[in-house]
Protein backbone atom coordinates (compact mmCIF):
# COMPACT_ATOMS: atom_id res chain seq x y z
CA MET A 1 125.83 51.86 161.58
CA ALA A 2 124.52 50.51 158.28
CA THR A 3 120.82 49.74 158.09
CA TRP A 4 119.00 47.11 156.05
CA TYR A 5 118.29 49.76 153.41
CA ASP A 6 121.93 50.86 153.31
CA ASN A 7 123.01 47.31 152.48
CA LEU A 8 120.61 46.89 149.55
CA LYS A 9 121.84 47.17 145.97
CA LYS A 10 120.17 50.21 144.43
CA PRO A 11 119.39 51.21 140.84
CA PRO A 12 121.03 54.14 139.06
CA LEU A 13 119.61 57.56 139.95
CA THR A 14 118.95 56.57 143.58
CA PRO A 15 119.27 59.83 145.52
CA PRO A 16 121.10 60.09 148.84
CA LYS A 17 118.95 59.23 151.88
CA THR A 18 119.04 62.86 153.03
CA ILE A 19 117.01 63.93 149.97
CA PHE A 20 113.91 61.89 150.84
CA GLY A 21 112.89 63.91 153.89
CA ARG A 22 113.30 67.20 152.05
CA VAL A 23 111.31 66.00 149.06
CA TRP A 24 108.51 64.70 151.27
CA ALA A 25 108.32 67.98 153.21
CA ILE A 26 107.76 69.82 149.92
CA LEU A 27 105.32 67.19 148.63
CA TYR A 28 103.23 67.39 151.81
CA VAL A 29 102.78 71.13 151.19
CA PHE A 30 101.56 70.39 147.65
CA ILE A 31 99.29 67.54 148.80
CA ILE A 32 97.70 69.55 151.61
CA SER A 33 97.28 72.53 149.27
CA ALA A 34 95.63 70.32 146.63
CA LEU A 35 93.25 68.88 149.21
CA ALA A 36 92.39 72.35 150.52
CA VAL A 37 91.76 73.73 147.02
CA TYR A 38 89.66 70.69 146.11
CA PHE A 39 87.53 70.77 149.27
CA LEU A 40 87.03 74.54 148.99
CA ALA A 41 85.91 74.30 145.36
CA PRO A 42 82.30 75.43 144.90
CA ALA A 43 81.37 72.20 143.10
CA ARG A 44 82.91 68.76 143.53
CA PRO A 45 81.55 66.35 140.92
CA ASP A 46 81.87 62.69 141.90
CA ALA A 47 82.57 63.63 145.53
CA LEU A 48 81.68 60.15 146.83
CA LEU A 49 83.94 58.41 144.32
CA THR A 50 86.71 60.91 145.10
CA GLY A 51 86.33 60.17 148.81
CA VAL A 52 86.60 56.43 148.24
CA VAL A 53 89.67 56.84 146.03
CA LEU A 54 91.25 59.12 148.65
CA ILE A 55 90.73 56.48 151.34
CA VAL A 56 92.25 53.74 149.17
CA HIS A 57 95.11 56.02 148.16
CA PHE A 58 96.07 57.13 151.66
CA THR A 59 95.67 53.60 153.06
CA ALA A 60 98.10 52.31 150.43
CA SER A 61 100.38 55.28 150.95
CA PHE A 62 100.62 54.76 154.70
CA SER A 63 101.14 51.00 154.19
CA TRP A 64 104.19 51.33 151.97
CA THR A 65 106.67 52.23 154.73
CA SER A 66 105.55 49.29 156.84
CA LEU A 67 105.78 46.89 153.90
CA PHE A 68 109.14 48.10 152.65
CA PHE A 69 111.05 49.04 155.80
CA GLY A 70 109.13 47.25 158.54
CA LYS A 71 108.44 43.89 156.92
CA ARG A 72 111.18 44.20 154.28
CA LYS A 73 108.76 42.94 151.64
CA ILE A 74 110.09 44.62 148.53
CA LEU A 75 107.71 43.11 145.95
CA PRO A 76 104.51 43.73 147.98
CA ALA A 77 105.76 47.29 148.55
CA LEU A 78 106.16 47.68 144.77
CA ILE A 79 102.61 46.44 144.21
CA ASP A 80 101.46 48.91 146.87
CA LEU A 81 103.26 51.71 145.01
CA ILE A 82 101.49 50.76 141.81
CA VAL A 83 98.17 51.11 143.67
CA ILE A 84 99.35 54.47 145.01
CA ASP A 85 100.20 55.71 141.52
CA MET A 86 97.00 54.38 139.95
CA THR A 87 94.80 55.98 142.61
CA LEU A 88 96.80 59.19 142.37
CA ALA A 89 96.20 59.31 138.60
CA MET A 90 92.50 58.84 139.34
CA LEU A 91 92.60 61.62 141.94
CA ILE A 92 94.25 64.00 139.51
CA ALA A 93 91.46 63.31 137.01
CA LEU A 94 88.74 63.64 139.67
CA PHE A 95 90.27 66.79 141.19
CA SER A 96 90.51 68.38 137.74
CA ARG A 97 86.72 68.26 137.47
CA ALA A 98 86.48 70.50 140.53
CA SER A 99 89.66 72.56 140.15
CA THR A 100 92.49 72.59 137.65
CA ILE A 101 94.76 74.06 140.31
CA ALA A 102 94.03 71.20 142.73
CA ALA A 103 94.89 68.67 140.02
CA LEU A 104 98.09 70.49 139.04
CA LEU A 105 99.22 70.61 142.66
CA LEU A 106 99.22 66.78 142.68
CA LEU A 107 101.51 66.46 139.64
CA PRO A 108 104.82 66.70 141.58
CA TYR A 109 103.55 63.96 143.92
CA PHE A 110 102.62 61.83 140.92
CA CYS A 111 106.06 62.30 139.38
CA TRP A 112 107.69 61.35 142.67
CA GLY A 113 105.41 58.30 142.87
CA LEU A 114 106.52 57.15 139.42
CA PHE A 115 110.15 57.69 140.42
CA ALA A 116 109.53 55.75 143.64
CA CYS A 117 108.15 52.87 141.55
CA TYR A 118 111.32 52.87 139.48
CA LEU A 119 113.46 52.82 142.64
CA ASN A 120 111.38 50.12 144.34
CA TRP A 121 111.36 48.00 141.16
CA GLY A 122 115.13 48.41 140.81
CA ILE A 123 115.73 47.42 144.42
CA TRP A 124 113.49 44.39 144.01
CA ARG A 125 115.23 43.38 140.77
CA LEU A 126 118.72 43.79 142.24
CA ASN A 127 118.04 42.12 145.60
CA ARG A 128 115.93 39.04 144.89
């Protein structure tokens, strides 16, 4: 049975639905590893700011699925993704002050976030 998502027009380079779960499984390993390396670092400059940005980031991240799939609000989901990517860029910069490895571990997630923005923008543009 076709879902709402299946019936949307999608931009070029949209991967098959089966890819998303696999990618996220790998990304979660990188994200958890980055968090572990960061929190185990001997010094964490700007720890309070990093904590605030983490809260904003993960709040936006967990909201995207509800916005896009639950409420079917494509443009608000795109705006949410922009917040996700901006806070992730900030986290990479903040993590790098404590550990280069922690920052590097977030780069695949950041690349996927930029790709997700492209996909979300394309879906919004094609399905207004």
